[in-house]
PDB file of N, CA and C in Angstrom:
ATOM      1  N   MET A   1       0.826  -1.180   0.000  1.00  0.00           N
ATOM      2  CA  MET A   1       0.000   0.000   0.000  1.00  0.00           C
ATOM      3  C   MET A   1       0.875   1.250   0.000  1.00  0.00           C
ATOM      4  N   GLY A   2       1.919   1.241   0.775  1.00  0.00           N
ATOM      5  CA  GLY A   2       2.826   2.381   0.801  1.00  0.00           C
ATOM      6  C   GLY A   2       3.421   2.659  -0.572  1.00  0.00           C
ATOM      7  N   TRP A   3       3.707   1.582  -1.325  1.00  0.00           N
ATOM      8  CA  TRP A   3       4.222   1.753  -2.680  1.00  0.00           C
ATOM      9  C   TRP A   3       3.212   2.513  -3.533  1.00  0.00           C
ATOM     10  N   GLY A   4       1.946   2.153  -3.441  1.00  0.00           N
ATOM     11  CA  GLY A   4       0.900   2.819  -4.216  1.00  0.00           C
ATOM     12  C   GLY A   4       0.790   4.290  -3.874  1.00  0.00           C
ATOM     13  N   TRP A   5       0.938   4.608  -2.596  1.00  0.00           N
ATOM     14  CA  TRP A   5       0.863   6.012  -2.178  1.00  0.00           C
ATOM     15  C   TRP A   5       1.957   6.832  -2.855  1.00  0.00           C
ATOM     16  N   LEU A   6       3.147   6.253  -2.907  1.00  0.00           N
ATOM     17  CA  LEU A   6       4.261   6.982  -3.511  1.00  0.00           C
ATOM     18  C   LEU A   6       4.215   6.943  -5.038  1.00  0.00           C
ATOM     19  N   GLU A   7       3.860   5.797  -5.588  1.00  0.00           N
ATOM     20  CA  GLU A   7       3.823   5.644  -7.045  1.00  0.00           C
ATOM     21  C   GLU A   7       2.798   6.573  -7.691  1.00  0.00           C
ATOM     22  N   TYR A   8       1.617   6.672  -7.076  1.00  0.00           N
ATOM     23  CA  TYR A   8       0.546   7.465  -7.669  1.00  0.00           C
ATOM     24  C   TYR A   8       0.430   8.858  -7.042  1.00  0.00           C
ATOM     25  N   VAL A   9       1.392   9.226  -6.232  1.00  0.00           N
ATOM     26  CA  VAL A   9       1.522  10.559  -5.649  1.00  0.00           C
ATOM     27  C   VAL A   9       0.194  11.054  -5.079  1.00  0.00           C
ATOM     28  N   GLN A  10      -0.352  10.259  -4.182  1.00  0.00           N
ATOM     29  CA  GLN A  10      -1.625  10.645  -3.580  1.00  0.00           C
ATOM     30  C   GLN A  10      -1.460  11.845  -2.663  1.00  0.00           C
ATOM     31  N   THR A  11      -2.466  12.684  -2.664  1.00  0.00           N
ATOM     32  CA  THR A  11      -2.520  13.779  -1.718  1.00  0.00           C
ATOM     33  C   THR A  11      -2.634  13.171  -0.319  1.00  0.00           C
ATOM     34  N   LEU A  12      -1.961  13.716   0.644  1.00  0.00           N
ATOM     35  CA  LEU A  12      -1.956  13.264   2.046  1.00  0.00           C
ATOM     36  C   LEU A  12      -1.293  11.902   2.242  1.00  0.00           C
ATOM     37  N   SER A  13      -0.526  11.425   1.259  1.00  0.00           N
ATOM     38  CA  SER A  13       0.102  10.109   1.403  1.00  0.00           C
ATOM     39  C   SER A  13       1.068  10.066   2.581  1.00  0.00           C
ATOM     40  N   PHE A  14       1.647  11.201   2.941  1.00  0.00           N
ATOM     41  CA  PHE A  14       2.601  11.225   4.054  1.00  0.00           C
ATOM     42  C   PHE A  14       1.938  10.811   5.366  1.00  0.00           C
ATOM     43  N   ILE A  15       0.649  11.116   5.528  1.00  0.00           N
ATOM     44  CA  ILE A  15      -0.058  10.719   6.750  1.00  0.00           C
ATOM     45  C   ILE A  15      -0.166   9.201   6.802  1.00  0.00           C
ATOM     46  N   GLY A  16      -0.549   8.602   5.686  1.00  0.00           N
ATOM     47  CA  GLY A  16      -0.646   7.144   5.624  1.00  0.00           C
ATOM     48  C   GLY A  16       0.691   6.473   5.843  1.00  0.00           C
ATOM     49  N   LEU A  17       1.727   6.999   5.213  1.00  0.00           N
ATOM     50  CA  LEU A  17       3.059   6.419   5.380  1.00  0.00           C
ATOM     51  C   LEU A  17       3.543   6.525   6.817  1.00  0.00           C
ATOM     52  N   LEU A  18       3.329   7.657   7.437  1.00  0.00           N
ATOM     53  CA  LEU A  18       3.747   7.860   8.822  1.00  0.00           C
ATOM     54  C   LEU A  18       3.012   6.910   9.762  1.00  0.00           C
ATOM     55  N   PHE A  19       1.694   6.872   9.636  1.00  0.00           N
ATOM     56  CA  PHE A  19       0.914   6.001  10.512  1.00  0.00           C
ATOM     57  C   PHE A  19       1.233   4.532  10.265  1.00  0.00           C
ATOM     58  N   ASN A  20       1.279   4.132   8.998  1.00  0.00           N
ATOM     59  CA  ASN A  20       1.525   2.733   8.673  1.00  0.00           C
ATOM     60  C   ASN A  20       2.883   2.275   9.198  1.00  0.00           C
ATOM     61  N   THR A  21       3.890   3.105   9.030  1.00  0.00           N
ATOM     62  CA  THR A  21       5.220   2.768   9.532  1.00  0.00           C
ATOM     63  C   THR A  21       5.225   2.682  11.054  1.00  0.00           C
ATOM     64  N   SER A  22       4.601   3.635  11.711  1.00  0.00           N
ATOM     65  CA  SER A  22       4.549   3.639  13.179  1.00  0.00           C
ATOM     66  C   SER A  22       3.838   2.407  13.716  1.00  0.00           C
ATOM     67  N   VAL A  23       2.705   2.086  13.121  1.00  0.00           N
ATOM     68  CA  VAL A  23       1.944   0.919  13.569  1.00  0.00           C
ATOM     69  C   VAL A  23       2.757  -0.352  13.376  1.00  0.00           C
ATOM     70  N   HIS A  24       3.432  -0.473  12.243  1.00  0.00           N
ATOM     71  CA  HIS A  24       4.194  -1.692  11.994  1.00  0.00           C
ATOM     72  C   HIS A  24       5.415  -1.811  12.895  1.00  0.00           C
ATOM     73  N   VAL A  25       6.041  -0.711  13.254  1.00  0.00           N
ATOM     74  CA  VAL A  25       7.160  -0.769  14.204  1.00  0.00           C
ATOM     75  C   VAL A  25       6.666  -1.317  15.539  1.00  0.00           C
ATOM     76  N   VAL A  26       5.561  -0.795  16.034  1.00  0.00           N
ATOM     77  CA  VAL A  26       4.991  -1.260  17.307  1.00  0.00           C
ATOM     78  C   VAL A  26       4.557  -2.719  17.192  1.00  0.00           C
ATOM     79  N   MET A  27       3.877  -3.055  16.101  1.00  0.00           N
ATOM     80  CA  MET A  27       3.356  -4.407  15.915  1.00  0.00           C
ATOM     81  C   MET A  27       4.492  -5.437  15.863  1.00  0.00           C
ATOM     82  N   TYR A  28       5.532  -5.145  15.091  1.00  0.00           N
ATOM     83  CA  TYR A  28       6.625  -6.103  14.991  1.00  0.00           C
ATOM     84  C   TYR A  28       7.453  -6.148  16.267  1.00  0.00           C
ATOM     85  N   TYR A  29       7.531  -5.096  17.016  1.00  0.00           N
ATOM     86  CA  TYR A  29       8.183  -5.136  18.325  1.00  0.00           C
ATOM     87  C   TYR A  29       7.393  -6.054  19.262  1.00  0.00           C
ATOM     88  N   TYR A  30       6.074  -5.963  19.198  1.00  0.00           N
ATOM     89  CA  TYR A  30       5.220  -6.859  19.984  1.00  0.00           C
ATOM     90  C   TYR A  30       5.501  -8.318  19.606  1.00  0.00           C
ATOM     91  N   TYR A  31       5.523  -8.617  18.296  1.00  0.00           N
ATOM     92  CA  TYR A  31       5.798  -9.988  17.849  1.00  0.00           C
ATOM     93  C   TYR A  31       7.180 -10.441  18.304  1.00  0.00           C
ATOM     94  N   PHE A  32       8.162  -9.559  18.249  1.00  0.00           N
ATOM     95  CA  PHE A  32       9.515  -9.872  18.695  1.00  0.00           C
ATOM     96  C   PHE A  32       9.516 -10.283  20.167  1.00  0.00           C
ATOM     97  N   LEU A  33       8.821  -9.510  20.998  1.00  0.00           N
ATOM     98  CA  LEU A  33       8.755  -9.839  22.424  1.00  0.00           C
ATOM     99  C   LEU A  33       8.045 -11.163  22.660  1.00  0.00           C
ATOM    100  N   ARG A  34       7.004 -11.445  21.890  1.00  0.00           N
ATOM    101  CA  ARG A  34       6.272 -12.709  22.046  1.00  0.00           C
ATOM    102  C   ARG A  34       7.144 -13.898  21.650  1.00  0.00           C
ATOM    103  N   VAL A  35       7.941 -13.727  20.590  1.00  0.00           N
ATOM    104  CA  VAL A  35       8.848 -14.798  20.166  1.00  0.00           C
ATOM    105  C   VAL A  35       9.859 -15.098  21.262  1.00  0.00           C
ATOM    106  N   LEU A  36      10.263 -14.073  21.990  1.00  0.00           N
ATOM    107  CA  LEU A  36      11.188 -14.269  23.107  1.00  0.00           C
ATOM    108  C   LEU A  36      10.496 -14.884  24.321  1.00  0.00           C
ATOM    109  N   GLY A  37       9.179 -15.061  24.235  1.00  0.00           N
ATOM    110  CA  GLY A  37       8.428 -15.674  25.319  1.00  0.00           C
ATOM    111  C   GLY A  37       7.962 -14.711  26.389  1.00  0.00           C
ATOM    112  N   ARG A  38       8.080 -13.449  26.130  1.00  0.00           N
ATOM    113  CA  ARG A  38       7.657 -12.458  27.121  1.00  0.00           C
ATOM    114  C   ARG A  38       6.163 -12.207  27.025  1.00  0.00           C
ATOM    115  N   ASP A  39       5.546 -12.022  28.175  1.00  0.00           N
ATOM    116  CA  ASP A  39       4.134 -11.659  28.224  1.00  0.00           C
ATOM    117  C   ASP A  39       4.037 -10.151  28.035  1.00  0.00           C
ATOM    118  N   VAL A  40       3.238  -9.730  27.090  1.00  0.00           N
ATOM    119  CA  VAL A  40       3.132  -8.311  26.755  1.00  0.00           C
ATOM    120  C   VAL A  40       1.782  -7.806  27.236  1.00  0.00           C
ATOM    121  N   TRP A  41       1.804  -6.956  28.253  1.00  0.00           N
ATOM    122  CA  TRP A  41       0.555  -6.469  28.851  1.00  0.00           C
ATOM    123  C   TRP A  41      -0.196  -5.509  27.937  1.00  0.00           C
ATOM    124  N   TRP A  42       0.488  -4.909  26.980  1.00  0.00           N
ATOM    125  CA  TRP A  42      -0.127  -3.897  26.130  1.00  0.00           C
ATOM    126  C   TRP A  42      -0.596  -4.448  24.785  1.00  0.00           C
ATOM    127  N   LYS A  43      -0.861  -5.749  24.731  1.00  0.00           N
ATOM    128  CA  LYS A  43      -1.298  -6.401  23.492  1.00  0.00           C
ATOM    129  C   LYS A  43      -2.521  -5.712  22.884  1.00  0.00           C
ATOM    130  N   SER A  44      -3.538  -5.416  23.685  1.00  0.00           N
ATOM    131  CA  SER A  44      -4.763  -4.821  23.136  1.00  0.00           C
ATOM    132  C   SER A  44      -4.513  -3.416  22.590  1.00  0.00           C
ATOM    133  N   PHE A  45      -3.473  -2.752  23.089  1.00  0.00           N
ATOM    134  CA  PHE A  45      -3.164  -1.416  22.583  1.00  0.00           C
ATOM    135  C   PHE A  45      -2.610  -1.458  21.160  1.00  0.00           C
ATOM    136  N   VAL A  46      -1.982  -2.579  20.788  1.00  0.00           N
ATOM    137  CA  VAL A  46      -1.512  -2.729  19.409  1.00  0.00           C
ATOM    138  C   VAL A  46      -2.715  -2.728  18.472  1.00  0.00           C
ATOM    139  N   THR A  47      -3.733  -3.501  18.818  1.00  0.00           N
ATOM    140  CA  THR A  47      -4.951  -3.538  18.007  1.00  0.00           C
ATOM    141  C   THR A  47      -5.632  -2.180  17.998  1.00  0.00           C
ATOM    142  N   ARG A  48      -5.682  -1.531  19.135  1.00  0.00           N
ATOM    143  CA  ARG A  48      -6.306  -0.197  19.198  1.00  0.00           C
ATOM    144  C   ARG A  48      -5.529   0.817  18.345  1.00  0.00           C
ATOM    145  N   PHE A  49      -4.224   0.714  18.348  1.00  0.00           N
ATOM    146  CA  PHE A  49      -3.392   1.599  17.535  1.00  0.00           C
ATOM    147  C   PHE A  49      -3.697   1.393  16.048  1.00  0.00           C
ATOM    148  N   GLN A  50      -3.886   0.118  15.664  1.00  0.00           N
ATOM    149  CA  GLN A  50      -4.235  -0.174  14.278  1.00  0.00           C
ATOM    150  C   GLN A  50      -5.614   0.393  13.931  1.00  0.00           C
ATOM    151  N   ILE A  51      -6.540   0.313  14.868  1.00  0.00           N
ATOM    152  CA  ILE A  51      -7.877   0.868  14.644  1.00  0.00           C
ATOM    153  C   ILE A  51      -7.801   2.386  14.494  1.00  0.00           C
ATOM    154  N   VAL A  52      -6.988   3.032  15.321  1.00  0.00           N
ATOM    155  CA  VAL A  52      -6.804   4.487  15.197  1.00  0.00           C
ATOM    156  C   VAL A  52      -6.230   4.824  13.821  1.00  0.00           C
ATOM    157  N   GLN A  53      -5.300   4.004  13.349  1.00  0.00           N
ATOM    158  CA  GLN A  53      -4.720   4.225  12.023  1.00  0.00           C
ATOM    159  C   GLN A  53      -5.809   4.225  10.954  1.00  0.00           C
ATOM    160  N   PHE A  54      -6.685   3.244  10.986  1.00  0.00           N
ATOM    161  CA  PHE A  54      -7.705   3.142   9.946  1.00  0.00           C
ATOM    162  C   PHE A  54      -8.795   4.197  10.110  1.00  0.00           C
ATOM    163  N   CYS A  55      -9.078   4.588  11.337  1.00  0.00           N
ATOM    164  CA  CYS A  55     -10.038   5.689  11.547  1.00  0.00           C
ATOM    165  C   CYS A  55      -9.464   7.001  11.017  1.00  0.00           C
ATOM    166  N   THR A  56      -8.178   7.228  11.260  1.00  0.00           N
ATOM    167  CA  THR A  56      -7.526   8.422  10.725  1.00  0.00           C
ATOM    168  C   THR A  56      -7.552   8.404   9.201  1.00  0.00           C
ATOM    169  N   SER A  57      -7.306   7.239   8.637  1.00  0.00           N
ATOM    170  CA  SER A  57      -7.369   7.094   7.187  1.00  0.00           C
ATOM    171  C   SER A  57      -8.762   7.419   6.668  1.00  0.00           C
ATOM    172  N   ALA A  58      -9.786   6.955   7.378  1.00  0.00           N
ATOM    173  CA  ALA A  58     -11.168   7.217   6.966  1.00  0.00           C
ATOM    174  C   ALA A  58     -11.478   8.708   7.015  1.00  0.00           C
ATOM    175  N   VAL A  59     -11.056   9.362   8.084  1.00  0.00           N
ATOM    176  CA  VAL A  59     -11.307  10.804   8.212  1.00  0.00           C
ATOM    177  C   VAL A  59     -10.597  11.569   7.094  1.00  0.00           C
ATOM    178  N   CYS A  60      -9.332  11.258   6.867  1.00  0.00           N
ATOM    179  CA  CYS A  60      -8.587  11.936   5.794  1.00  0.00           C
ATOM    180  C   CYS A  60      -9.218  11.658   4.432  1.00  0.00           C
ATOM    181  N   GLY A  61      -9.652  10.416   4.220  1.00  0.00           N
ATOM    182  CA  GLY A  61     -10.306  10.070   2.961  1.00  0.00           C
ATOM    183  C   GLY A  61     -11.607  10.819   2.768  1.00  0.00           C
ATOM    184  N   CYS A  62     -12.408  10.906   3.814  1.00  0.00           N
ATOM    185  CA  CYS A  62     -13.687  11.631   3.728  1.00  0.00           C
ATOM    186  C   CYS A  62     -13.467  13.122   3.481  1.00  0.00           C
ATOM    187  N   ILE A  63     -12.492  13.691   4.166  1.00  0.00           N
ATOM    188  CA  ILE A  63     -12.188  15.113   3.957  1.00  0.00           C
ATOM    189  C   ILE A  63     -11.742  15.347   2.516  1.00  0.00           C
ATOM    190  N   THR A  64     -10.876  14.476   2.028  1.00  0.00           N
ATOM    191  CA  THR A  64     -10.394  14.622   0.654  1.00  0.00           C
ATOM    192  C   THR A  64     -11.531  14.476  -0.345  1.00  0.00           C
ATOM    193  N   LEU A  65     -12.385  13.465  -0.149  1.00  0.00           N
ATOM    194  CA  LEU A  65     -13.521  13.289  -1.061  1.00  0.00           C
ATOM    195  C   LEU A  65     -14.456  14.490  -1.019  1.00  0.00           C
ATOM    196  N   TYR A  66     -14.690  15.036   0.155  1.00  0.00           N
ATOM    197  CA  TYR A  66     -15.530  16.232   0.270  1.00  0.00           C
ATOM    198  C   TYR A  66     -14.907  17.396  -0.508  1.00  0.00           C
ATOM    199  N   LEU A  67     -13.622  17.610  -0.295  1.00  0.00           N
ATOM    200  CA  LEU A  67     -12.948  18.720  -0.976  1.00  0.00           C
ATOM    201  C   LEU A  67     -12.981  18.562  -2.495  1.00  0.00           C
ATOM    202  N   VAL A  68     -12.834  17.328  -2.970  1.00  0.00           N
ATOM    203  CA  VAL A  68     -12.832  17.092  -4.414  1.00  0.00           C
ATOM    204  C   VAL A  68     -14.241  17.173  -4.987  1.00  0.00           C
ATOM    205  N   LEU A  69     -15.183  16.472  -4.355  1.00  0.00           N
ATOM    206  CA  LEU A  69     -16.530  16.367  -4.924  1.00  0.00           C
ATOM    207  C   LEU A  69     -17.399  17.596  -4.684  1.00  0.00           C
ATOM    208  N   VAL A  70     -17.228  18.247  -3.539  1.00  0.00           N
ATOM    209  CA  VAL A  70     -18.085  19.387  -3.200  1.00  0.00           C
ATOM    210  C   VAL A  70     -17.400  20.719  -3.498  1.00  0.00           C
ATOM    211  N   GLU A  71     -16.152  20.828  -3.088  1.00  0.00           N
ATOM    212  CA  GLU A  71     -15.443  22.100  -3.235  1.00  0.00           C
ATOM    213  C   GLU A  71     -14.724  22.245  -4.574  1.00  0.00           C
ATOM    214  N   GLY A  72     -14.604  21.140  -5.315  1.00  0.00           N
ATOM    215  CA  GLY A  72     -13.944  21.200  -6.622  1.00  0.00           C
ATOM    216  C   GLY A  72     -12.431  21.222  -6.567  1.00  0.00           C
ATOM    217  N   ALA A  73     -11.860  20.822  -5.445  1.00  0.00           N
ATOM    218  CA  ALA A  73     -10.395  20.791  -5.315  1.00  0.00           C
ATOM    219  C   ALA A  73      -9.817  19.678  -6.193  1.00  0.00           C
ATOM    220  N   GLN A  74      -8.550  19.789  -6.484  1.00  0.00           N
ATOM    221  CA  GLN A  74      -7.852  18.772  -7.265  1.00  0.00           C
ATOM    222  C   GLN A  74      -7.153  17.804  -6.312  1.00  0.00           C
ATOM    223  N   CYS A  75      -7.114  16.548  -6.705  1.00  0.00           N
ATOM    224  CA  CYS A  75      -6.472  15.525  -5.876  1.00  0.00           C
ATOM    225  C   CYS A  75      -5.689  14.585  -6.777  1.00  0.00           C
ATOM    226  N   ALA A  76      -4.400  14.467  -6.527  1.00  0.00           N
ATOM    227  CA  ALA A  76      -3.588  13.511  -7.269  1.00  0.00           C
ATOM    228  C   ALA A  76      -3.886  12.109  -6.760  1.00  0.00           C
ATOM    229  N   GLY A  77      -4.150  11.188  -7.657  1.00  0.00           N
ATOM    230  CA  GLY A  77      -4.370   9.802  -7.266  1.00  0.00           C
ATOM    231  C   GLY A  77      -5.736   9.532  -6.678  1.00  0.00           C
ATOM    232  N   LEU A  78      -6.781  10.200  -7.169  1.00  0.00           N
ATOM    233  CA  LEU A  78      -8.123  10.027  -6.605  1.00  0.00           C
ATOM    234  C   LEU A  78      -8.614   8.590  -6.749  1.00  0.00           C
ATOM    235  N   HIS A  79      -8.358   7.961  -7.886  1.00  0.00           N
ATOM    236  CA  HIS A  79      -8.780   6.574  -8.093  1.00  0.00           C
ATOM    237  C   HIS A  79      -8.114   5.661  -7.060  1.00  0.00           C
ATOM    238  N   SER A  80      -6.829   5.846  -6.882  1.00  0.00           N
ATOM    239  CA  SER A  80      -6.084   5.059  -5.903  1.00  0.00           C
ATOM    240  C   SER A  80      -6.580   5.331  -4.484  1.00  0.00           C
ATOM    241  N   LEU A  81      -6.913   6.589  -4.196  1.00  0.00           N
ATOM    242  CA  LEU A  81      -7.454   6.949  -2.885  1.00  0.00           C
ATOM    243  C   LEU A  81      -8.737   6.180  -2.599  1.00  0.00           C
ATOM    244  N   CYS A  82      -9.616   6.109  -3.589  1.00  0.00           N
ATOM    245  CA  CYS A  82     -10.889   5.401  -3.401  1.00  0.00           C
ATOM    246  C   CYS A  82     -10.661   3.914  -3.145  1.00  0.00           C
ATOM    247  N   LEU A  83      -9.740   3.304  -3.880  1.00  0.00           N
ATOM    248  CA  LEU A  83      -9.426   1.887  -3.656  1.00  0.00           C
ATOM    249  C   LEU A  83      -8.830   1.678  -2.267  1.00  0.00           C
ATOM    250  N   ASN A  84      -7.907   2.543  -1.859  1.00  0.00           N
ATOM    251  CA  ASN A  84      -7.317   2.457  -0.522  1.00  0.00           C
ATOM    252  C   ASN A  84      -8.371   2.635   0.558  1.00  0.00           C
ATOM    253  N   PHE A  85      -9.288   3.566   0.329  1.00  0.00           N
ATOM    254  CA  PHE A  85     -10.349   3.831   1.298  1.00  0.00           C
ATOM    255  C   PHE A  85     -11.187   2.573   1.528  1.00  0.00           C
ATOM    256  N   MET A  86     -11.602   1.931   0.436  1.00  0.00           N
ATOM    257  CA  MET A  86     -12.415   0.713   0.571  1.00  0.00           C
ATOM    258  C   MET A  86     -11.627  -0.401   1.264  1.00  0.00           C
ATOM    259  N   PHE A  87     -10.378  -0.573   0.879  1.00  0.00           N
ATOM    260  CA  PHE A  87      -9.540  -1.598   1.493  1.00  0.00           C
ATOM    261  C   PHE A  87      -9.346  -1.322   2.981  1.00  0.00           C
ATOM    262  N   ASN A  88      -9.073  -0.072   3.332  1.00  0.00           N
ATOM    263  CA  ASN A  88      -8.872   0.287   4.736  1.00  0.00           C
ATOM    264  C   ASN A  88     -10.128   0.079   5.569  1.00  0.00           C
ATOM    265  N   MET A  89     -11.294   0.288   4.979  1.00  0.00           N
ATOM    266  CA  MET A  89     -12.534   0.080   5.726  1.00  0.00           C
ATOM    267  C   MET A  89     -12.757  -1.405   6.018  1.00  0.00           C
ATOM    268  N   THR A  90     -12.329  -2.285   5.105  1.00  0.00           N
ATOM    269  CA  THR A  90     -12.429  -3.721   5.403  1.00  0.00           C
ATOM    270  C   THR A  90     -11.462  -4.091   6.525  1.00  0.00           C
ATOM    271  N   LEU A  91     -10.259  -3.511   6.502  1.00  0.00           N
ATOM    272  CA  LEU A  91      -9.300  -3.774   7.578  1.00  0.00           C
ATOM    273  C   LEU A  91      -9.793  -3.221   8.909  1.00  0.00           C
ATOM    274  N   LEU A  92     -10.391  -2.048   8.881  1.00  0.00           N
ATOM    275  CA  LEU A  92     -10.947  -1.467  10.103  1.00  0.00           C
ATOM    276  C   LEU A  92     -11.974  -2.411  10.710  1.00  0.00           C
ATOM    277  N   GLN A  93     -12.884  -2.915   9.896  1.00  0.00           N
ATOM    278  CA  GLN A  93     -13.911  -3.833  10.392  1.00  0.00           C
ATOM    279  C   GLN A  93     -13.280  -5.086  10.997  1.00  0.00           C
ATOM    280  N   GLN A  94     -12.267  -5.617  10.345  1.00  0.00           N
ATOM    281  CA  GLN A  94     -11.614  -6.826  10.850  1.00  0.00           C
ATOM    282  C   GLN A  94     -10.907  -6.577  12.181  1.00  0.00           C
ATOM    283  N   PHE A  95     -10.232  -5.458  12.324  1.00  0.00           N
ATOM    284  CA  PHE A  95      -9.552  -5.166  13.587  1.00  0.00           C
ATOM    285  C   PHE A  95     -10.543  -4.879  14.712  1.00  0.00           C
ATOM    286  N   VAL A  96     -11.654  -4.241  14.391  1.00  0.00           N
ATOM    287  CA  VAL A  96     -12.706  -4.035  15.400  1.00  0.00           C
ATOM    288  C   VAL A  96     -13.261  -5.387  15.832  1.00  0.00           C
ATOM    289  N   ASP A  97     -13.462  -6.296  14.888  1.00  0.00           N
ATOM    290  CA  ASP A  97     -13.936  -7.642  15.223  1.00  0.00           C
ATOM    291  C   ASP A  97     -12.942  -8.377  16.116  1.00  0.00           C
ATOM    292  N   VAL A  98     -11.648  -8.249  15.812  1.00  0.00           N
ATOM    293  CA  VAL A  98     -10.611  -8.889  16.642  1.00  0.00           C
ATOM    294  C   VAL A  98     -10.647  -8.323  18.053  1.00  0.00           C
ATOM    295  N   LEU A  99     -10.735  -7.014  18.172  1.00  0.00           N
ATOM    296  CA  LEU A  99     -10.780  -6.379  19.493  1.00  0.00           C
ATOM    297  C   LEU A  99     -12.012  -6.831  20.267  1.00  0.00           C
ATOM    298  N   ASN A 100     -13.164  -6.845  19.609  1.00  0.00           N
ATOM    299  CA  ASN A 100     -14.404  -7.266  20.275  1.00  0.00           C
ATOM    300  C   ASN A 100     -14.374  -8.729  20.674  1.00  0.00           C
ATOM    301  N   SER A 101     -13.824  -9.595  19.829  1.00  0.00           N
ATOM    302  CA  SER A 101     -13.770 -11.018  20.176  1.00  0.00           C
ATOM    303  C   SER A 101     -12.841 -11.252  21.358  1.00  0.00           C
ATOM    304  N   GLY A 102     -11.745 -10.496  21.437  1.00  0.00           N
ATOM    305  CA  GLY A 102     -10.841 -10.612  22.581  1.00  0.00           C
ATOM    306  C   GLY A 102     -11.489 -10.154  23.869  1.00  0.00           C
ATOM    307  N   GLN A 103     -12.288  -9.103  23.798  1.00  0.00           N
ATOM    308  CA  GLN A 103     -12.981  -8.609  24.989  1.00  0.00           C
ATOM    309  C   GLN A 103     -14.064  -9.589  25.431  1.00  0.00           C
ATOM    310  N   LYS A 104     -14.768 -10.190  24.486  1.00  0.00           N
ATOM    311  CA  LYS A 104     -15.794 -11.179  24.832  1.00  0.00           C
ATOM    312  C   LYS A 104     -15.164 -12.406  25.480  1.00  0.00           C
ATOM    313  N   ALA A 105     -14.010 -12.824  24.967  1.00  0.00           N
ATOM    314  CA  ALA A 105     -13.321 -13.986  25.535  1.00  0.00           C
ATOM    315  C   ALA A 105     -12.874 -13.706  26.965  1.00  0.00           C
ATOM    316  N   ARG A 106     -12.389 -12.497  27.227  1.00  0.00           N
ATOM    317  CA  ARG A 106     -11.963 -12.151  28.587  1.00  0.00           C
ATOM    318  C   ARG A 106     -13.147 -12.107  29.542  1.00  0.00           C
ATOM    319  N   LYS A 107     -14.293 -11.640  29.083  1.00  0.00           N
ATOM    320  CA  LYS A 107     -15.481 -11.590  29.938  1.00  0.00           C
ATOM    321  C   LYS A 107     -15.960 -12.990  30.287  1.00  0.00           C
ATOM    322  N   LYS A 108     -15.853 -13.932  29.350  1.00  0.00           N
ATOM    323  CA  LYS A 108     -16.257 -15.310  29.617  1.00  0.00           C
ATOM    324  C   LYS A 108     -15.347 -15.956  30.655  1.00  0.00           C
ATOM    325  N   GLU A 109     -14.051 -15.607  30.617  1.00  0.00           N
ATOM    326  CA  GLU A 109     -13.094 -16.163  31.568  1.00  0.00           C
ATOM    327  C   GLU A 109     -13.361 -15.690  32.986  1.00  0.00           C
ATOM    328  N   GLN A 110     -13.934 -14.500  33.119  1.00  0.00           N
ATOM    329  CA  GLN A 110     -14.175 -13.936  34.451  1.00  0.00           C
ATOM    330  C   GLN A 110     -15.427 -14.511  34.970  1.00  0.00           C
TER     331      GLN A 110
END
């Protein structure tokens, strides 16, 4: 996805690149600690961070679509933006489902 942002010179691509890189650094650090056998108390925050990433993407996408469709602004890579928006919304739904299933499992254990 990051390649597409740079290849098609999307408006606001720097926000996506920054968030995506930050989330992956945290996520892979979490996986690294788990491989070492360490218990990571902040596991649910990794999922929440990913959800924040996709919510931010949705807000930026909606603002951009509003500016283009209503205000008549120009946007480089609008087609790519729309595809990314749809893909990110599917990922958002999946991460929300993961978070909710983890919370339901913890409630059953209690």
